[in-house]
Amino acid sequence: MIARPMLATIFIAQGAKNLRDPEPALPAATQFSEQFGPMLQKRVPSLPSDPATLVRINAGVQLGAGLALATGRFPRLASVVLLGSLLPTTLAGHPYWRTDDPAQRSAQRVQAMKNVGMAGGLLLAAVDTEGKPGLSWRTRRAAKDARRATRTAKREARMTARRAKSGLSHRISS
């Protein structure tokens, strides 16, 4: 009950901040756009290439999915969406492998690992069914119930046929 809102807070706060003011995220978004933009454009031609627009789209996704996760509205879907937005955010915002300064490299590594930890939390939230049976369990249960109902119907049909046959033979012999 409290874990999801706690996990969602960073996405809500950062999403709102970057939606209002995308400027601080523009250098990372520009670098990400230059590196991955052509590949993404091939797969999703309608995706904008402007870094400011990409920051705002990502911010809107994080804000919306963060609010959904925090309020319990489609929490599994919201977790998957946040997980999908976390990957480019981490790659763009914390490329510690490109930094030469040891102090900055260490700080960026910590931020990247924090995001990896959040990704783990989002994975857990994505598979959490709140104690309710998941879709695969319900599917297996429905199949088992259908097989049981089929066996019962066959048994009842055989019994009815036997009764009808014995009733018919009793009438013929009388």
N, C-alpha and C. Protein backbone atom coordinates (compact mmCIF):
# COMPACT_ATOMS: atom_id res chain seq x y z
N MET A 1 0.82 -1.19 0.00
CA MET A 1 0.00 0.00 0.00
C MET A 1 0.87 1.27 0.00
N ILE A 2 1.99 1.19 0.68
CA ILE A 2 2.84 2.37 0.76
C ILE A 2 4.05 2.26 -0.17
N ALA A 3 4.43 1.04 -0.55
CA ALA A 3 5.64 0.86 -1.36
C ALA A 3 5.51 1.50 -2.74
N ARG A 4 4.36 1.32 -3.38
CA ARG A 4 4.20 1.89 -4.72
C ARG A 4 4.28 3.42 -4.71
N PRO A 5 3.55 4.10 -3.82
CA PRO A 5 3.69 5.56 -3.80
C PRO A 5 5.12 6.01 -3.50
N MET A 6 5.82 5.26 -2.65
CA MET A 6 7.21 5.61 -2.36
C MET A 6 8.07 5.47 -3.61
N LEU A 7 7.87 4.39 -4.35
CA LEU A 7 8.63 4.16 -5.58
C LEU A 7 8.29 5.22 -6.63
N ALA A 8 7.05 5.64 -6.65
CA ALA A 8 6.59 6.59 -7.67
C ALA A 8 7.06 8.02 -7.43
N THR A 9 7.43 8.37 -6.21
CA THR A 9 7.74 9.78 -5.90
C THR A 9 8.82 10.38 -6.79
N ILE A 10 9.89 9.65 -7.05
CA ILE A 10 10.98 10.20 -7.86
C ILE A 10 10.51 10.48 -9.28
N PHE A 11 9.66 9.62 -9.81
CA PHE A 11 9.16 9.81 -11.18
C PHE A 11 8.19 10.99 -11.25
N ILE A 12 7.36 11.13 -10.25
CA ILE A 12 6.42 12.25 -10.21
C ILE A 12 7.18 13.57 -10.09
N ALA A 13 8.12 13.62 -9.15
CA ALA A 13 8.87 14.86 -8.91
C ALA A 13 9.72 15.23 -10.13
N GLN A 14 10.49 14.28 -10.65
CA GLN A 14 11.34 14.57 -11.80
C GLN A 14 10.52 14.85 -13.06
N GLY A 15 9.43 14.11 -13.23
CA GLY A 15 8.57 14.33 -14.38
C GLY A 15 8.00 15.74 -14.38
N ALA A 16 7.49 16.17 -13.22
CA ALA A 16 6.93 17.53 -13.12
C ALA A 16 8.01 18.58 -13.35
N LYS A 17 9.18 18.36 -12.75
CA LYS A 17 10.29 19.32 -12.89
C LYS A 17 10.72 19.44 -14.36
N ASN A 18 10.93 18.30 -15.02
CA ASN A 18 11.40 18.33 -16.41
C ASN A 18 10.32 18.78 -17.39
N LEU A 19 9.07 18.60 -17.03
CA LEU A 19 7.99 19.08 -17.89
C LEU A 19 7.94 20.61 -17.85
N ARG A 20 8.12 21.17 -16.66
CA ARG A 20 8.14 22.64 -16.51
C ARG A 20 9.39 23.26 -17.11
N ASP A 21 10.53 22.61 -16.86
CA ASP A 21 11.81 23.20 -17.28
C ASP A 21 12.72 22.11 -17.85
N PRO A 22 12.66 21.87 -19.15
CA PRO A 22 13.48 20.81 -19.73
C PRO A 22 14.95 21.19 -19.92
N GLU A 23 15.29 22.46 -19.72
CA GLU A 23 16.66 22.97 -19.99
C GLU A 23 17.77 22.13 -19.33
N PRO A 24 17.70 21.84 -18.03
CA PRO A 24 18.82 21.09 -17.41
C PRO A 24 19.05 19.71 -18.03
N ALA A 25 18.02 19.11 -18.59
CA ALA A 25 18.16 17.77 -19.17
C ALA A 25 18.54 17.81 -20.65
N LEU A 26 18.60 18.98 -21.25
CA LEU A 26 18.86 19.08 -22.69
C LEU A 26 20.23 18.56 -23.12
N PRO A 27 21.32 18.83 -22.40
CA PRO A 27 22.61 18.29 -22.87
C PRO A 27 22.60 16.76 -22.96
N ALA A 28 22.07 16.11 -21.94
CA ALA A 28 22.01 14.65 -21.95
C ALA A 28 21.06 14.16 -23.03
N ALA A 29 19.93 14.84 -23.19
CA ALA A 29 18.96 14.44 -24.21
C ALA A 29 19.52 14.65 -25.61
N THR A 30 20.29 15.71 -25.80
CA THR A 30 20.91 15.97 -27.10
C THR A 30 21.89 14.86 -27.44
N GLN A 31 22.72 14.52 -26.48
CA GLN A 31 23.69 13.46 -26.70
C GLN A 31 22.99 12.12 -26.97
N PHE A 32 21.95 11.84 -26.22
CA PHE A 32 21.18 10.61 -26.43
C PHE A 32 20.53 10.61 -27.81
N SER A 33 19.94 11.74 -28.17
CA SER A 33 19.29 11.88 -29.47
C SER A 33 20.26 11.69 -30.63
N GLU A 34 21.46 12.24 -30.48
CA GLU A 34 22.47 12.07 -31.53
C GLU A 34 22.92 10.62 -31.64
N GLN A 35 23.04 9.95 -30.50
CA GLN A 35 23.54 8.58 -30.51
C GLN A 35 22.47 7.58 -30.93
N PHE A 36 21.26 7.70 -30.38
CA PHE A 36 20.23 6.70 -30.61
C PHE A 36 19.09 7.18 -31.51
N GLY A 37 19.06 8.48 -31.81
CA GLY A 37 17.97 9.05 -32.61
C GLY A 37 17.75 8.39 -33.95
N PRO A 38 18.80 8.21 -34.77
CA PRO A 38 18.58 7.59 -36.08
C PRO A 38 17.98 6.17 -35.98
N MET A 39 18.45 5.38 -35.02
CA MET A 39 17.91 4.03 -34.86
C MET A 39 16.44 4.09 -34.42
N LEU A 40 16.14 4.99 -33.49
CA LEU A 40 14.75 5.11 -33.01
C LEU A 40 13.84 5.65 -34.11
N GLN A 41 14.35 6.58 -34.93
CA GLN A 41 13.56 7.15 -36.02
C GLN A 41 13.17 6.07 -37.03
N LYS A 42 14.05 5.10 -37.25
CA LYS A 42 13.74 4.02 -38.18
C LYS A 42 12.60 3.15 -37.65
N ARG A 43 12.61 2.92 -36.34
CA ARG A 43 11.59 2.06 -35.72
C ARG A 43 10.29 2.81 -35.47
N VAL A 44 10.39 4.07 -35.10
CA VAL A 44 9.21 4.89 -34.80
C VAL A 44 9.36 6.21 -35.56
N PRO A 45 8.96 6.22 -36.83
CA PRO A 45 9.16 7.42 -37.66
C PRO A 45 8.48 8.68 -37.12
N SER A 46 7.40 8.51 -36.37
CA SER A 46 6.69 9.69 -35.86
C SER A 46 7.32 10.26 -34.59
N LEU A 47 8.35 9.61 -34.07
CA LEU A 47 9.01 10.09 -32.86
C LEU A 47 9.78 11.38 -33.18
N PRO A 48 9.54 12.43 -32.41
CA PRO A 48 10.26 13.68 -32.67
C PRO A 48 11.75 13.52 -32.37
N SER A 49 12.56 14.32 -33.02
CA SER A 49 14.01 14.25 -32.80
C SER A 49 14.51 15.43 -31.98
N ASP A 50 13.67 16.42 -31.77
CA ASP A 50 14.06 17.59 -30.98
C ASP A 50 14.27 17.18 -29.52
N PRO A 51 15.46 17.41 -28.96
CA PRO A 51 15.75 17.00 -27.59
C PRO A 51 14.79 17.57 -26.55
N ALA A 52 14.38 18.83 -26.70
CA ALA A 52 13.46 19.43 -25.72
C ALA A 52 12.12 18.71 -25.74
N THR A 53 11.66 18.35 -26.93
CA THR A 53 10.40 17.62 -27.04
C THR A 53 10.54 16.23 -26.44
N LEU A 54 11.68 15.59 -26.68
CA LEU A 54 11.92 14.26 -26.11
C LEU A 54 11.93 14.32 -24.58
N VAL A 55 12.55 15.35 -24.03
CA VAL A 55 12.58 15.51 -22.56
C VAL A 55 11.17 15.69 -22.04
N ARG A 56 10.39 16.52 -22.71
CA ARG A 56 9.00 16.76 -22.26
C ARG A 56 8.14 15.50 -22.40
N ILE A 57 8.32 14.74 -23.47
CA ILE A 57 7.56 13.49 -23.63
C ILE A 57 7.92 12.53 -22.50
N ASN A 58 9.21 12.36 -22.27
CA ASN A 58 9.65 11.47 -21.20
C ASN A 58 9.13 11.95 -19.85
N ALA A 59 9.16 13.25 -19.63
CA ALA A 59 8.66 13.82 -18.38
C ALA A 59 7.17 13.57 -18.21
N GLY A 60 6.41 13.75 -19.29
CA GLY A 60 4.98 13.50 -19.23
C GLY A 60 4.67 12.04 -18.95
N VAL A 61 5.43 11.16 -19.58
CA VAL A 61 5.25 9.71 -19.35
C VAL A 61 5.56 9.39 -17.90
N GLN A 62 6.67 9.92 -17.39
CA GLN A 62 7.04 9.64 -16.00
C GLN A 62 6.03 10.22 -15.02
N LEU A 63 5.55 11.41 -15.28
CA LEU A 63 4.57 12.03 -14.40
C LEU A 63 3.26 11.22 -14.41
N GLY A 64 2.77 10.93 -15.60
CA GLY A 64 1.50 10.19 -15.70
C GLY A 64 1.58 8.79 -15.13
N ALA A 65 2.62 8.05 -15.51
CA ALA A 65 2.76 6.68 -15.00
C ALA A 65 3.10 6.69 -13.52
N GLY A 66 3.86 7.67 -13.06
CA GLY A 66 4.16 7.79 -11.64
C GLY A 66 2.90 8.03 -10.82
N LEU A 67 2.04 8.91 -11.30
CA LEU A 67 0.77 9.16 -10.61
C LEU A 67 -0.11 7.90 -10.63
N ALA A 68 -0.12 7.20 -11.75
CA ALA A 68 -0.91 5.96 -11.83
C ALA A 68 -0.38 4.92 -10.84
N LEU A 69 0.92 4.79 -10.76
CA LEU A 69 1.51 3.83 -9.82
C LEU A 69 1.21 4.24 -8.38
N ALA A 70 1.37 5.52 -8.07
CA ALA A 70 1.16 6.00 -6.70
C ALA A 70 -0.29 5.84 -6.25
N THR A 71 -1.22 6.00 -7.17
CA THR A 71 -2.64 5.93 -6.80
C THR A 71 -3.24 4.54 -6.99
N GLY A 72 -2.43 3.61 -7.49
CA GLY A 72 -2.92 2.25 -7.66
C GLY A 72 -3.76 2.04 -8.91
N ARG A 73 -3.72 2.97 -9.84
CA ARG A 73 -4.44 2.84 -11.12
C ARG A 73 -3.52 2.12 -12.10
N PHE A 74 -3.90 0.94 -12.51
CA PHE A 74 -3.10 0.13 -13.44
C PHE A 74 -1.64 0.07 -12.99
N PRO A 75 -1.38 -0.34 -11.75
CA PRO A 75 -0.02 -0.29 -11.23
C PRO A 75 0.97 -1.16 -11.99
N ARG A 76 0.53 -2.29 -12.50
CA ARG A 76 1.46 -3.16 -13.22
C ARG A 76 1.85 -2.53 -14.55
N LEU A 77 0.89 -1.98 -15.26
CA LEU A 77 1.17 -1.30 -16.53
C LEU A 77 2.03 -0.06 -16.28
N ALA A 78 1.68 0.71 -15.25
CA ALA A 78 2.45 1.91 -14.93
C ALA A 78 3.90 1.56 -14.62
N SER A 79 4.11 0.44 -13.93
CA SER A 79 5.48 0.01 -13.60
C SER A 79 6.27 -0.32 -14.85
N VAL A 80 5.63 -1.00 -15.78
CA VAL A 80 6.31 -1.36 -17.03
C VAL A 80 6.63 -0.10 -17.84
N VAL A 81 5.70 0.83 -17.88
CA VAL A 81 5.94 2.09 -18.61
C VAL A 81 7.09 2.86 -17.97
N LEU A 82 7.11 2.94 -16.65
CA LEU A 82 8.20 3.64 -15.97
C LEU A 82 9.53 2.93 -16.21
N LEU A 83 9.49 1.63 -16.21
CA LEU A 83 10.71 0.87 -16.49
C LEU A 83 11.23 1.19 -17.89
N GLY A 84 10.31 1.28 -18.85
CA GLY A 84 10.70 1.63 -20.21
C GLY A 84 11.26 3.03 -20.33
N SER A 85 10.78 3.95 -19.52
CA SER A 85 11.32 5.32 -19.57
C SER A 85 12.61 5.45 -18.78
N LEU A 86 12.84 4.53 -17.86
CA LEU A 86 14.04 4.61 -17.03
C LEU A 86 15.31 4.25 -17.81
N LEU A 87 15.19 3.35 -18.76
CA LEU A 87 16.37 2.94 -19.53
C LEU A 87 17.00 4.11 -20.29
N PRO A 88 16.24 4.82 -21.13
CA PRO A 88 16.88 5.94 -21.83
C PRO A 88 17.31 7.05 -20.87
N THR A 89 16.56 7.24 -19.80
CA THR A 89 16.94 8.26 -18.81
C THR A 89 18.30 7.93 -18.19
N THR A 90 18.50 6.66 -17.87
CA THR A 90 19.76 6.24 -17.26
C THR A 90 20.91 6.33 -18.26
N LEU A 91 20.67 5.84 -19.47
CA LEU A 91 21.73 5.89 -20.49
C LEU A 91 22.12 7.33 -20.82
N ALA A 92 21.12 8.20 -20.91
CA ALA A 92 21.40 9.60 -21.28
C ALA A 92 21.94 10.40 -20.11
N GLY A 93 21.39 10.18 -18.94
CA GLY A 93 21.71 11.05 -17.82
C GLY A 93 22.91 10.64 -16.99
N HIS A 94 23.29 9.37 -17.05
CA HIS A 94 24.36 8.91 -16.16
C HIS A 94 25.37 8.01 -16.87
N PRO A 95 25.95 8.49 -17.97
CA PRO A 95 26.93 7.66 -18.69
C PRO A 95 28.31 7.73 -18.02
N TYR A 96 28.42 7.10 -16.88
CA TYR A 96 29.67 7.17 -16.10
C TYR A 96 30.86 6.60 -16.86
N TRP A 97 30.62 5.71 -17.79
CA TRP A 97 31.70 5.10 -18.56
C TRP A 97 32.38 6.09 -19.50
N ARG A 98 31.75 7.25 -19.73
CA ARG A 98 32.34 8.26 -20.61
C ARG A 98 33.09 9.35 -19.84
N THR A 99 33.01 9.31 -18.52
CA THR A 99 33.58 10.38 -17.71
C THR A 99 34.99 10.01 -17.26
N ASP A 100 35.92 10.95 -17.44
CA ASP A 100 37.32 10.71 -17.05
C ASP A 100 37.59 11.10 -15.60
N ASP A 101 36.92 12.14 -15.11
CA ASP A 101 37.13 12.61 -13.75
C ASP A 101 36.64 11.55 -12.76
N PRO A 102 37.54 11.02 -11.90
CA PRO A 102 37.15 9.95 -10.99
C PRO A 102 35.99 10.31 -10.05
N ALA A 103 35.97 11.53 -9.54
CA ALA A 103 34.89 11.93 -8.63
C ALA A 103 33.56 11.98 -9.36
N GLN A 104 33.57 12.55 -10.56
CA GLN A 104 32.33 12.64 -11.34
C GLN A 104 31.90 11.26 -11.82
N ARG A 105 32.86 10.44 -12.19
CA ARG A 105 32.56 9.08 -12.62
C ARG A 105 31.88 8.32 -11.48
N SER A 106 32.40 8.46 -10.29
CA SER A 106 31.83 7.79 -9.12
C SER A 106 30.41 8.28 -8.85
N ALA A 107 30.21 9.59 -8.93
CA ALA A 107 28.88 10.16 -8.70
C ALA A 107 27.89 9.67 -9.75
N GLN A 108 28.30 9.63 -11.01
CA GLN A 108 27.42 9.15 -12.07
C GLN A 108 27.13 7.66 -11.93
N ARG A 109 28.12 6.89 -11.50
CA ARG A 109 27.93 5.45 -11.28
C ARG A 109 26.90 5.23 -10.18
N VAL A 110 26.99 6.00 -9.10
CA VAL A 110 26.02 5.88 -8.00
C VAL A 110 24.61 6.17 -8.53
N GLN A 111 24.48 7.22 -9.33
CA GLN A 111 23.15 7.55 -9.88
C GLN A 111 22.65 6.45 -10.82
N ALA A 112 23.53 5.90 -11.63
CA ALA A 112 23.13 4.81 -12.52
C ALA A 112 22.71 3.58 -11.72
N MET A 113 23.45 3.25 -10.68
CA MET A 113 23.10 2.10 -9.84
C MET A 113 21.81 2.34 -9.07
N LYS A 114 21.56 3.60 -8.68
CA LYS A 114 20.28 3.94 -8.06
C LYS A 114 19.15 3.63 -9.03
N ASN A 115 19.34 3.99 -10.29
CA ASN A 115 18.32 3.70 -11.30
C ASN A 115 18.16 2.20 -11.51
N VAL A 116 19.25 1.46 -11.44
CA VAL A 116 19.15 0.00 -11.54
C VAL A 116 18.32 -0.54 -10.38
N GLY A 117 18.55 -0.01 -9.19
CA GLY A 117 17.75 -0.41 -8.03
C GLY A 117 16.28 -0.08 -8.21
N MET A 118 16.00 1.10 -8.74
CA MET A 118 14.61 1.47 -9.01
C MET A 118 14.00 0.55 -10.06
N ALA A 119 14.81 0.16 -11.05
CA ALA A 119 14.32 -0.76 -12.07
C ALA A 119 13.92 -2.09 -11.42
N GLY A 120 14.70 -2.54 -10.46
CA GLY A 120 14.34 -3.76 -9.73
C GLY A 120 13.02 -3.61 -9.00
N GLY A 121 12.84 -2.47 -8.35
CA GLY A 121 11.57 -2.19 -7.68
C GLY A 121 10.41 -2.16 -8.65
N LEU A 122 10.63 -1.56 -9.82
CA LEU A 122 9.58 -1.50 -10.83
C LEU A 122 9.25 -2.89 -11.37
N LEU A 123 10.28 -3.74 -11.52
CA LEU A 123 10.03 -5.12 -11.94
C LEU A 123 9.16 -5.85 -10.92
N LEU A 124 9.48 -5.67 -9.65
CA LEU A 124 8.65 -6.30 -8.61
C LEU A 124 7.21 -5.77 -8.66
N ALA A 125 7.07 -4.47 -8.83
CA ALA A 125 5.73 -3.89 -8.90
C ALA A 125 4.98 -4.37 -10.14
N ALA A 126 5.72 -4.62 -11.21
CA ALA A 126 5.09 -5.06 -12.46
C ALA A 126 4.52 -6.47 -12.36
N VAL A 127 5.10 -7.30 -11.51
CA VAL A 127 4.60 -8.68 -11.38
C VAL A 127 3.74 -8.88 -10.14
N ASP A 128 3.61 -7.86 -9.31
CA ASP A 128 2.83 -7.97 -8.08
C ASP A 128 1.34 -8.00 -8.40
N THR A 129 0.68 -9.03 -7.93
CA THR A 129 -0.77 -9.15 -8.17
C THR A 129 -1.57 -8.85 -6.90
N GLU A 130 -0.92 -8.31 -5.89
CA GLU A 130 -1.57 -7.95 -4.62
C GLU A 130 -2.29 -9.13 -4.00
N GLY A 131 -1.74 -10.31 -4.13
CA GLY A 131 -2.36 -11.50 -3.56
C GLY A 131 -3.48 -12.07 -4.39
N LYS A 132 -3.84 -11.39 -5.45
CA LYS A 132 -4.88 -11.90 -6.35
C LYS A 132 -4.21 -12.80 -7.37
N PRO A 133 -4.91 -13.82 -7.82
CA PRO A 133 -4.30 -14.70 -8.84
C PRO A 133 -3.99 -13.94 -10.11
N GLY A 134 -2.87 -14.28 -10.71
CA GLY A 134 -2.47 -13.67 -11.96
C GLY A 134 -3.21 -14.30 -13.13
N LEU A 135 -3.00 -13.74 -14.30
CA LEU A 135 -3.68 -14.21 -15.50
C LEU A 135 -3.32 -15.66 -15.84
N SER A 136 -2.06 -16.04 -15.69
CA SER A 136 -1.68 -17.42 -16.02
C SER A 136 -2.36 -18.40 -15.07
N TRP A 137 -2.44 -18.09 -13.78
CA TRP A 137 -3.12 -18.97 -12.84
C TRP A 137 -4.60 -19.07 -13.18
N ARG A 138 -5.21 -17.94 -13.47
CA ARG A 138 -6.64 -17.96 -13.82
C ARG A 138 -6.90 -18.75 -15.09
N THR A 139 -5.99 -18.66 -16.06
CA THR A 139 -6.14 -19.42 -17.30
C THR A 139 -6.04 -20.92 -17.02
N ARG A 140 -5.02 -21.31 -16.25
CA ARG A 140 -4.89 -22.74 -15.89
C ARG A 140 -6.09 -23.23 -15.12
N ARG A 141 -6.60 -22.41 -14.20
CA ARG A 141 -7.76 -22.79 -13.40
C ARG A 141 -9.00 -22.93 -14.27
N ALA A 142 -9.19 -22.03 -15.22
CA ALA A 142 -10.35 -22.11 -16.12
C ALA A 142 -10.27 -23.37 -16.97
N ALA A 143 -9.07 -23.72 -17.45
CA ALA A 143 -8.91 -24.94 -18.24
C ALA A 143 -9.22 -26.17 -17.40
N LYS A 144 -8.74 -26.20 -16.16
CA LYS A 144 -9.02 -27.32 -15.26
C LYS A 144 -10.51 -27.43 -14.98
N ASP A 145 -11.17 -26.31 -14.73
CA ASP A 145 -12.61 -26.32 -14.50
C ASP A 145 -13.37 -26.80 -15.73
N ALA A 146 -12.91 -26.41 -16.92
CA ALA A 146 -13.57 -26.84 -18.16
C ALA A 146 -13.42 -28.35 -18.34
N ARG A 147 -12.22 -28.88 -18.06
CA ARG A 147 -12.02 -30.34 -18.17
C ARG A 147 -12.92 -31.08 -17.18
N ARG A 148 -13.02 -30.58 -15.97
CA ARG A 148 -13.87 -31.20 -14.95
C ARG A 148 -15.33 -31.16 -15.39
N ALA A 149 -15.77 -30.03 -15.92
CA ALA A 149 -17.17 -29.91 -16.37
C ALA A 149 -17.44 -30.86 -17.53
N THR A 150 -16.45 -31.04 -18.42
CA THR A 150 -16.61 -31.96 -19.55
C THR A 150 -16.73 -33.39 -19.06
N ARG A 151 -15.88 -33.79 -18.12
CA ARG A 151 -15.97 -35.15 -17.57
C ARG A 151 -17.31 -35.38 -16.89
N THR A 152 -17.77 -34.41 -16.13
CA THR A 152 -19.06 -34.53 -15.45
C THR A 152 -20.19 -34.64 -16.46
N ALA A 153 -20.16 -33.84 -17.50
CA ALA A 153 -21.21 -33.89 -18.52
C ALA A 153 -21.21 -35.23 -19.23
N LYS A 154 -20.03 -35.78 -19.54
CA LYS A 154 -19.95 -37.10 -20.18
C LYS A 154 -20.53 -38.17 -19.27
N ARG A 155 -20.15 -38.14 -17.99
CA ARG A 155 -20.65 -39.12 -17.03
C ARG A 155 -22.17 -39.05 -16.92
N GLU A 156 -22.69 -37.85 -16.83
CA GLU A 156 -24.15 -37.68 -16.73
C GLU A 156 -24.84 -38.14 -18.01
N ALA A 157 -24.22 -37.90 -19.17
CA ALA A 157 -24.81 -38.34 -20.43
C ALA A 157 -24.84 -39.87 -20.50
N ARG A 158 -23.76 -40.55 -20.05
CA ARG A 158 -23.75 -42.01 -20.04
C ARG A 158 -24.82 -42.56 -19.11
N MET A 159 -24.95 -41.95 -17.93
CA MET A 159 -25.95 -42.42 -16.96
C MET A 159 -27.36 -42.22 -17.52
N THR A 160 -27.59 -41.09 -18.15
CA THR A 160 -28.91 -40.83 -18.74
C THR A 160 -29.19 -41.82 -19.86
N ALA A 161 -28.18 -42.11 -20.67
CA ALA A 161 -28.35 -43.08 -21.77
C ALA A 161 -28.65 -44.46 -21.21
N ARG A 162 -27.96 -44.88 -20.13
CA ARG A 162 -28.23 -46.18 -19.52
C ARG A 162 -29.64 -46.25 -18.97
N ARG A 163 -30.07 -45.18 -18.29
CA ARG A 163 -31.44 -45.17 -17.75
C ARG A 163 -32.46 -45.24 -18.87
N ALA A 164 -32.19 -44.49 -19.93
CA ALA A 164 -33.13 -44.51 -21.06
C ALA A 164 -33.15 -45.89 -21.69
N LYS A 165 -32.00 -46.53 -21.83
CA LYS A 165 -31.92 -47.85 -22.44
C LYS A 165 -32.62 -48.88 -21.56
N SER A 166 -32.38 -48.82 -20.25
CA SER A 166 -33.04 -49.79 -19.37
C SER A 166 -34.54 -49.54 -19.31
N GLY A 167 -34.95 -48.30 -19.37
CA GLY A 167 -36.38 -48.00 -19.39
C GLY A 167 -37.00 -48.47 -20.67
N LEU A 168 -36.29 -48.35 -21.78
CA LEU A 168 -36.80 -48.79 -23.09
C LEU A 168 -36.89 -50.30 -23.11
N SER A 169 -35.87 -50.98 -22.60
CA SER A 169 -35.90 -52.45 -22.62
C SER A 169 -36.95 -52.97 -21.67
N HIS A 170 -37.22 -52.27 -20.58
CA HIS A 170 -38.26 -52.68 -19.65
C HIS A 170 -39.64 -52.55 -20.31
N ARG A 171 -39.84 -51.51 -21.11
CA ARG A 171 -41.13 -51.33 -21.79
C ARG A 171 -41.30 -52.37 -22.90
N ILE A 172 -40.23 -52.71 -23.60
CA ILE A 172 -40.34 -53.67 -24.69
C ILE A 172 -40.67 -55.07 -24.14
N SER A 173 -40.09 -55.45 -23.01
CA SER A 173 -40.34 -56.78 -22.45
C SER A 173 -41.71 -56.85 -21.80
N SER A 174 -42.34 -55.79 -21.44
CA SER A 174 -43.64 -55.84 -20.78
C SER A 174 -44.76 -56.00 -21.72
